Amino acid sequence: MSARDHHAAELREEMITALAAEKNAVARTVLLTGGAGASGIANLLLERLAAPGAMNVLARTALACDAATAGNAFREFVASTIYADAQASATREIDGAAQLARDDPANFQAKTRAQVAALEKLQI
């Protein structure tokens, strides 16, 4: 991997991490305040709970541990699910913007100055 490719990969990861953190904070706020979009997040959580084995782990934890530990396990499940969704969304968004810039550089317009600067650093 060349130095340019390595730098581009690092920058991509930084952009994804920053965007994922923003998306995670927004999702947590929406969920805690019951704002618009909370039902979508609740549906995501229910979908993940329906995955094979997820409910079994939480149920075993609840039966084997005290209420505080079981609550912490569920809290961690919710937090990790929301963060994983934010990470996936951020990755799609960053990679999509980079692809649009490569496909049609003359007509691509980044949404923010930060995106413009980052895409220029990636030399896209």
N, C-alpha and C. Protein backbone atom coordinates (compact mmCIF):
# COMPACT_ATOMS: atom_id res chain seq x y z
N MET A 1 0.85 -1.17 0.00
CA MET A 1 0.00 0.00 0.00
C MET A 1 0.90 1.24 0.00
N SER A 2 0.65 2.13 -0.93
CA SER A 2 1.46 3.35 -1.02
C SER A 2 1.12 4.29 0.13
N ALA A 3 1.97 5.27 0.32
CA ALA A 3 1.75 6.26 1.38
C ALA A 3 0.45 7.02 1.13
N ARG A 4 0.17 7.33 -0.13
CA ARG A 4 -1.07 8.04 -0.46
C ARG A 4 -2.29 7.19 -0.13
N ASP A 5 -2.23 5.90 -0.50
CA ASP A 5 -3.34 5.00 -0.19
C ASP A 5 -3.52 4.84 1.31
N HIS A 6 -2.41 4.73 2.01
CA HIS A 6 -2.47 4.59 3.47
C HIS A 6 -3.09 5.83 4.10
N HIS A 7 -2.67 7.01 3.63
CA HIS A 7 -3.23 8.26 4.15
C HIS A 7 -4.72 8.35 3.83
N ALA A 8 -5.10 7.96 2.62
CA ALA A 8 -6.51 8.00 2.23
C ALA A 8 -7.34 7.06 3.10
N ALA A 9 -6.80 5.88 3.39
CA ALA A 9 -7.51 4.92 4.24
C ALA A 9 -7.67 5.46 5.66
N GLU A 10 -6.62 6.09 6.18
CA GLU A 10 -6.70 6.68 7.52
C GLU A 10 -7.73 7.80 7.55
N LEU A 11 -7.72 8.64 6.54
CA LEU A 11 -8.66 9.75 6.47
C LEU A 11 -10.09 9.24 6.36
N ARG A 12 -10.30 8.21 5.56
CA ARG A 12 -11.62 7.61 5.43
C ARG A 12 -12.11 7.12 6.77
N GLU A 13 -11.24 6.41 7.50
CA GLU A 13 -11.62 5.90 8.82
C GLU A 13 -11.93 7.03 9.80
N GLU A 14 -11.14 8.10 9.76
CA GLU A 14 -11.40 9.25 10.63
C GLU A 14 -12.75 9.88 10.31
N MET A 15 -13.05 10.02 9.02
CA MET A 15 -14.33 10.60 8.62
C MET A 15 -15.49 9.72 9.05
N ILE A 16 -15.35 8.43 8.88
CA ILE A 16 -16.41 7.50 9.27
C ILE A 16 -16.60 7.53 10.78
N THR A 17 -15.51 7.53 11.53
CA THR A 17 -15.60 7.56 12.99
C THR A 17 -16.29 8.83 13.48
N ALA A 18 -15.90 9.97 12.92
CA ALA A 18 -16.51 11.24 13.32
C ALA A 18 -18.00 11.28 12.98
N LEU A 19 -18.35 10.85 11.78
CA LEU A 19 -19.75 10.86 11.37
C LEU A 19 -20.55 9.85 12.18
N ALA A 20 -19.98 8.69 12.46
CA ALA A 20 -20.68 7.69 13.27
C ALA A 20 -20.93 8.21 14.67
N ALA A 21 -19.97 8.92 15.25
CA ALA A 21 -20.16 9.49 16.59
C ALA A 21 -21.31 10.50 16.58
N GLU A 22 -21.38 11.32 15.54
CA GLU A 22 -22.48 12.28 15.43
C GLU A 22 -23.82 11.56 15.29
N LYS A 23 -23.88 10.58 14.42
CA LYS A 23 -25.12 9.84 14.20
C LYS A 23 -25.53 9.09 15.47
N ASN A 24 -24.57 8.54 16.19
CA ASN A 24 -24.85 7.83 17.43
C ASN A 24 -25.44 8.79 18.46
N ALA A 25 -24.85 9.96 18.60
CA ALA A 25 -25.34 10.94 19.57
C ALA A 25 -26.77 11.38 19.22
N VAL A 26 -27.02 11.60 17.95
CA VAL A 26 -28.37 11.99 17.53
C VAL A 26 -29.37 10.88 17.82
N ALA A 27 -29.02 9.65 17.48
CA ALA A 27 -29.93 8.52 17.71
C ALA A 27 -30.23 8.33 19.19
N ARG A 28 -29.22 8.47 20.03
CA ARG A 28 -29.42 8.33 21.47
C ARG A 28 -30.33 9.44 22.00
N THR A 29 -30.12 10.66 21.51
CA THR A 29 -30.95 11.78 21.94
C THR A 29 -32.39 11.58 21.49
N VAL A 30 -32.57 11.17 20.25
CA VAL A 30 -33.92 10.92 19.73
C VAL A 30 -34.61 9.84 20.56
N LEU A 31 -33.90 8.78 20.85
CA LEU A 31 -34.48 7.68 21.61
C LEU A 31 -34.82 8.11 23.04
N LEU A 32 -33.93 8.84 23.67
CA LEU A 32 -34.16 9.27 25.06
C LEU A 32 -35.27 10.31 25.17
N THR A 33 -35.42 11.16 24.18
CA THR A 33 -36.45 12.20 24.24
C THR A 33 -37.75 11.77 23.59
N GLY A 34 -37.74 10.65 22.91
CA GLY A 34 -38.95 10.18 22.24
C GLY A 34 -39.30 11.02 21.02
N GLY A 35 -38.30 11.64 20.44
CA GLY A 35 -38.52 12.51 19.28
C GLY A 35 -38.86 11.72 18.03
N ALA A 36 -39.06 12.48 16.95
CA ALA A 36 -39.36 11.87 15.66
C ALA A 36 -38.22 10.92 15.29
N GLY A 37 -38.58 9.73 14.91
CA GLY A 37 -37.57 8.74 14.56
C GLY A 37 -37.34 7.70 15.65
N ALA A 38 -37.89 7.93 16.84
CA ALA A 38 -37.69 6.99 17.94
C ALA A 38 -38.29 5.63 17.63
N SER A 39 -39.41 5.62 16.92
CA SER A 39 -40.03 4.32 16.60
C SER A 39 -39.15 3.54 15.63
N GLY A 40 -38.46 4.23 14.73
CA GLY A 40 -37.54 3.55 13.82
C GLY A 40 -36.39 2.90 14.57
N ILE A 41 -35.88 3.61 15.57
CA ILE A 41 -34.79 3.06 16.38
C ILE A 41 -35.30 1.88 17.20
N ALA A 42 -36.51 2.02 17.75
CA ALA A 42 -37.10 0.91 18.52
C ALA A 42 -37.29 -0.31 17.62
N ASN A 43 -37.72 -0.10 16.39
CA ASN A 43 -37.88 -1.22 15.45
C ASN A 43 -36.54 -1.87 15.15
N LEU A 44 -35.48 -1.07 15.01
CA LEU A 44 -34.14 -1.61 14.80
C LEU A 44 -33.74 -2.50 15.98
N LEU A 45 -34.00 -2.03 17.20
CA LEU A 45 -33.66 -2.82 18.39
C LEU A 45 -34.45 -4.12 18.43
N LEU A 46 -35.74 -4.05 18.12
CA LEU A 46 -36.55 -5.27 18.10
C LEU A 46 -36.06 -6.25 17.04
N GLU A 47 -35.66 -5.71 15.91
CA GLU A 47 -35.12 -6.56 14.84
C GLU A 47 -33.85 -7.28 15.30
N ARG A 48 -32.98 -6.55 15.99
CA ARG A 48 -31.74 -7.15 16.48
C ARG A 48 -32.02 -8.15 17.60
N LEU A 49 -33.04 -7.87 18.43
CA LEU A 49 -33.41 -8.83 19.47
C LEU A 49 -33.94 -10.13 18.86
N ALA A 50 -34.56 -10.01 17.70
CA ALA A 50 -35.12 -11.19 17.04
C ALA A 50 -34.05 -12.05 16.37
N ALA A 51 -32.83 -11.53 16.27
CA ALA A 51 -31.74 -12.30 15.66
C ALA A 51 -31.48 -13.55 16.49
N PRO A 52 -31.09 -14.64 15.83
CA PRO A 52 -30.84 -15.89 16.56
C PRO A 52 -29.83 -15.70 17.69
N GLY A 53 -30.23 -16.09 18.88
CA GLY A 53 -29.32 -16.08 20.02
C GLY A 53 -29.32 -14.81 20.84
N ALA A 54 -29.75 -13.69 20.29
CA ALA A 54 -29.67 -12.42 21.03
C ALA A 54 -30.53 -12.46 22.28
N MET A 55 -31.77 -12.89 22.14
CA MET A 55 -32.66 -12.93 23.30
C MET A 55 -32.20 -13.96 24.31
N ASN A 56 -31.65 -15.07 23.83
CA ASN A 56 -31.16 -16.11 24.75
C ASN A 56 -30.07 -15.58 25.66
N VAL A 57 -29.14 -14.81 25.10
CA VAL A 57 -28.05 -14.26 25.90
C VAL A 57 -28.59 -13.31 26.95
N LEU A 58 -29.49 -12.42 26.54
CA LEU A 58 -30.06 -11.46 27.49
C LEU A 58 -30.91 -12.16 28.55
N ALA A 59 -31.67 -13.17 28.14
CA ALA A 59 -32.50 -13.90 29.11
C ALA A 59 -31.64 -14.66 30.11
N ARG A 60 -30.58 -15.32 29.63
CA ARG A 60 -29.68 -16.03 30.55
C ARG A 60 -29.01 -15.07 31.51
N THR A 61 -28.62 -13.91 31.02
CA THR A 61 -28.00 -12.90 31.88
C THR A 61 -28.99 -12.45 32.95
N ALA A 62 -30.23 -12.22 32.54
CA ALA A 62 -31.26 -11.78 33.49
C ALA A 62 -31.52 -12.83 34.56
N LEU A 63 -31.51 -14.10 34.18
CA LEU A 63 -31.78 -15.17 35.14
C LEU A 63 -30.58 -15.45 36.04
N ALA A 64 -29.40 -15.30 35.53
CA ALA A 64 -28.20 -15.66 36.28
C ALA A 64 -27.64 -14.52 37.13
N CYS A 65 -28.06 -13.31 36.87
CA CYS A 65 -27.45 -12.15 37.54
C CYS A 65 -28.50 -11.34 38.29
N ASP A 66 -27.99 -10.40 39.06
CA ASP A 66 -28.91 -9.49 39.75
C ASP A 66 -29.50 -8.49 38.75
N ALA A 67 -30.46 -7.72 39.21
CA ALA A 67 -31.18 -6.79 38.33
C ALA A 67 -30.25 -5.74 37.73
N ALA A 68 -29.30 -5.26 38.51
CA ALA A 68 -28.39 -4.22 38.00
C ALA A 68 -27.52 -4.75 36.86
N THR A 69 -27.01 -5.97 37.02
CA THR A 69 -26.17 -6.56 35.98
C THR A 69 -27.00 -6.84 34.72
N ALA A 70 -28.21 -7.35 34.91
CA ALA A 70 -29.09 -7.61 33.77
C ALA A 70 -29.44 -6.31 33.05
N GLY A 71 -29.71 -5.27 33.82
CA GLY A 71 -30.00 -3.97 33.23
C GLY A 71 -28.82 -3.42 32.45
N ASN A 72 -27.63 -3.60 33.01
CA ASN A 72 -26.42 -3.15 32.32
C ASN A 72 -26.20 -3.92 31.02
N ALA A 73 -26.51 -5.22 31.03
CA ALA A 73 -26.36 -6.03 29.82
C ALA A 73 -27.31 -5.54 28.73
N PHE A 74 -28.55 -5.24 29.13
CA PHE A 74 -29.51 -4.74 28.15
C PHE A 74 -29.11 -3.35 27.66
N ARG A 75 -28.66 -2.51 28.56
CA ARG A 75 -28.20 -1.17 28.20
C ARG A 75 -27.04 -1.25 27.19
N GLU A 76 -26.12 -2.17 27.45
CA GLU A 76 -24.98 -2.36 26.54
C GLU A 76 -25.45 -2.87 25.17
N PHE A 77 -26.43 -3.76 25.17
CA PHE A 77 -27.00 -4.26 23.92
C PHE A 77 -27.59 -3.11 23.11
N VAL A 78 -28.37 -2.26 23.77
CA VAL A 78 -28.99 -1.13 23.09
C VAL A 78 -27.92 -0.18 22.55
N ALA A 79 -26.95 0.16 23.39
CA ALA A 79 -25.90 1.10 22.98
C ALA A 79 -25.08 0.55 21.82
N SER A 80 -24.71 -0.73 21.88
CA SER A 80 -23.89 -1.30 20.81
C SER A 80 -24.69 -1.43 19.51
N THR A 81 -25.98 -1.71 19.62
CA THR A 81 -26.83 -1.81 18.43
C THR A 81 -26.95 -0.45 17.75
N ILE A 82 -27.20 0.58 18.54
CA ILE A 82 -27.33 1.92 17.98
C ILE A 82 -26.01 2.36 17.36
N TYR A 83 -24.89 2.08 18.02
CA TYR A 83 -23.60 2.49 17.47
C TYR A 83 -23.27 1.72 16.19
N ALA A 84 -23.57 0.43 16.16
CA ALA A 84 -23.30 -0.36 14.95
C ALA A 84 -24.10 0.17 13.77
N ASP A 85 -25.35 0.56 14.02
CA ASP A 85 -26.17 1.13 12.96
C ASP A 85 -25.60 2.47 12.49
N ALA A 86 -25.15 3.30 13.44
CA ALA A 86 -24.55 4.59 13.09
C ALA A 86 -23.27 4.39 12.28
N GLN A 87 -22.48 3.41 12.66
CA GLN A 87 -21.22 3.11 11.96
C GLN A 87 -21.51 2.67 10.52
N ALA A 88 -22.48 1.79 10.36
CA ALA A 88 -22.83 1.31 9.01
C ALA A 88 -23.37 2.45 8.15
N SER A 89 -24.20 3.28 8.73
CA SER A 89 -24.76 4.41 7.99
C SER A 89 -23.67 5.39 7.59
N ALA A 90 -22.76 5.68 8.50
CA ALA A 90 -21.65 6.60 8.20
C ALA A 90 -20.76 6.04 7.10
N THR A 91 -20.49 4.75 7.16
CA THR A 91 -19.65 4.12 6.14
C THR A 91 -20.30 4.22 4.76
N ARG A 92 -21.59 3.93 4.71
CA ARG A 92 -22.31 4.04 3.43
C ARG A 92 -22.28 5.48 2.91
N GLU A 93 -22.47 6.43 3.81
CA GLU A 93 -22.51 7.84 3.40
C GLU A 93 -21.15 8.32 2.88
N ILE A 94 -20.09 8.01 3.60
CA ILE A 94 -18.75 8.44 3.18
C ILE A 94 -18.34 7.75 1.89
N ASP A 95 -18.54 6.44 1.81
CA ASP A 95 -18.18 5.71 0.59
C ASP A 95 -19.04 6.15 -0.59
N GLY A 96 -20.32 6.45 -0.33
CA GLY A 96 -21.20 6.93 -1.40
C GLY A 96 -20.76 8.28 -1.93
N ALA A 97 -20.36 9.18 -1.03
CA ALA A 97 -19.88 10.50 -1.46
C ALA A 97 -18.60 10.36 -2.27
N ALA A 98 -17.71 9.50 -1.83
CA ALA A 98 -16.47 9.29 -2.58
C ALA A 98 -16.75 8.71 -3.96
N GLN A 99 -17.69 7.78 -4.03
CA GLN A 99 -18.04 7.17 -5.32
C GLN A 99 -18.67 8.20 -6.25
N LEU A 100 -19.56 9.04 -5.72
CA LEU A 100 -20.17 10.09 -6.54
C LEU A 100 -19.11 11.05 -7.07
N ALA A 101 -18.16 11.39 -6.23
CA ALA A 101 -17.09 12.30 -6.65
C ALA A 101 -16.23 11.68 -7.75
N ARG A 102 -15.98 10.37 -7.65
CA ARG A 102 -15.19 9.69 -8.68
C ARG A 102 -15.97 9.55 -9.98
N ASP A 103 -17.27 9.23 -9.87
CA ASP A 103 -18.08 9.00 -11.06
C ASP A 103 -18.34 10.26 -11.87
N ASP A 104 -18.57 11.37 -11.20
CA ASP A 104 -18.91 12.60 -11.90
C ASP A 104 -18.34 13.80 -11.17
N PRO A 105 -17.02 13.98 -11.22
CA PRO A 105 -16.39 15.04 -10.44
C PRO A 105 -16.86 16.44 -10.81
N ALA A 106 -17.26 16.66 -12.05
CA ALA A 106 -17.69 17.99 -12.46
C ALA A 106 -19.03 18.39 -11.83
N ASN A 107 -19.89 17.42 -11.58
CA ASN A 107 -21.22 17.72 -11.05
C ASN A 107 -21.38 17.39 -9.57
N PHE A 108 -20.38 16.79 -8.96
CA PHE A 108 -20.49 16.42 -7.55
C PHE A 108 -20.27 17.64 -6.68
N GLN A 109 -21.16 17.84 -5.73
CA GLN A 109 -20.99 18.92 -4.76
C GLN A 109 -21.11 18.32 -3.36
N ALA A 110 -20.06 18.44 -2.59
CA ALA A 110 -20.09 17.94 -1.22
C ALA A 110 -21.06 18.79 -0.40
N LYS A 111 -21.61 18.20 0.65
CA LYS A 111 -22.60 18.88 1.47
C LYS A 111 -21.97 19.90 2.41
N THR A 112 -20.75 19.66 2.84
CA THR A 112 -20.12 20.55 3.80
C THR A 112 -18.70 20.88 3.37
N ARG A 113 -18.15 21.92 3.95
CA ARG A 113 -16.76 22.27 3.67
C ARG A 113 -15.82 21.17 4.14
N ALA A 114 -16.18 20.53 5.25
CA ALA A 114 -15.34 19.43 5.75
C ALA A 114 -15.27 18.30 4.74
N GLN A 115 -16.40 17.99 4.11
CA GLN A 115 -16.39 16.94 3.09
C GLN A 115 -15.54 17.36 1.90
N VAL A 116 -15.64 18.62 1.50
CA VAL A 116 -14.84 19.11 0.38
C VAL A 116 -13.36 18.95 0.70
N ALA A 117 -12.96 19.40 1.89
CA ALA A 117 -11.55 19.32 2.29
C ALA A 117 -11.09 17.87 2.36
N ALA A 118 -11.91 17.01 2.93
CA ALA A 118 -11.53 15.61 3.07
C ALA A 118 -11.42 14.94 1.71
N LEU A 119 -12.37 15.21 0.82
CA LEU A 119 -12.31 14.60 -0.51
C LEU A 119 -11.12 15.11 -1.30
N GLU A 120 -10.75 16.38 -1.09
CA GLU A 120 -9.55 16.90 -1.75
C GLU A 120 -8.31 16.20 -1.22
N LYS A 121 -8.27 15.93 0.09
CA LYS A 121 -7.13 15.22 0.66
C LYS A 121 -7.04 13.80 0.11
N LEU A 122 -8.20 13.21 -0.13
CA LEU A 122 -8.22 11.87 -0.71
C LEU A 122 -7.87 11.92 -2.20
N GLN A 123 -7.80 13.11 -2.74
CA GLN A 123 -7.49 13.35 -4.15
C GLN A 123 -8.47 12.64 -5.06
N ILE A 124 -9.72 12.82 -4.72
CA ILE A 124 -10.79 12.21 -5.53
C ILE A 124 -11.31 13.26 -6.48
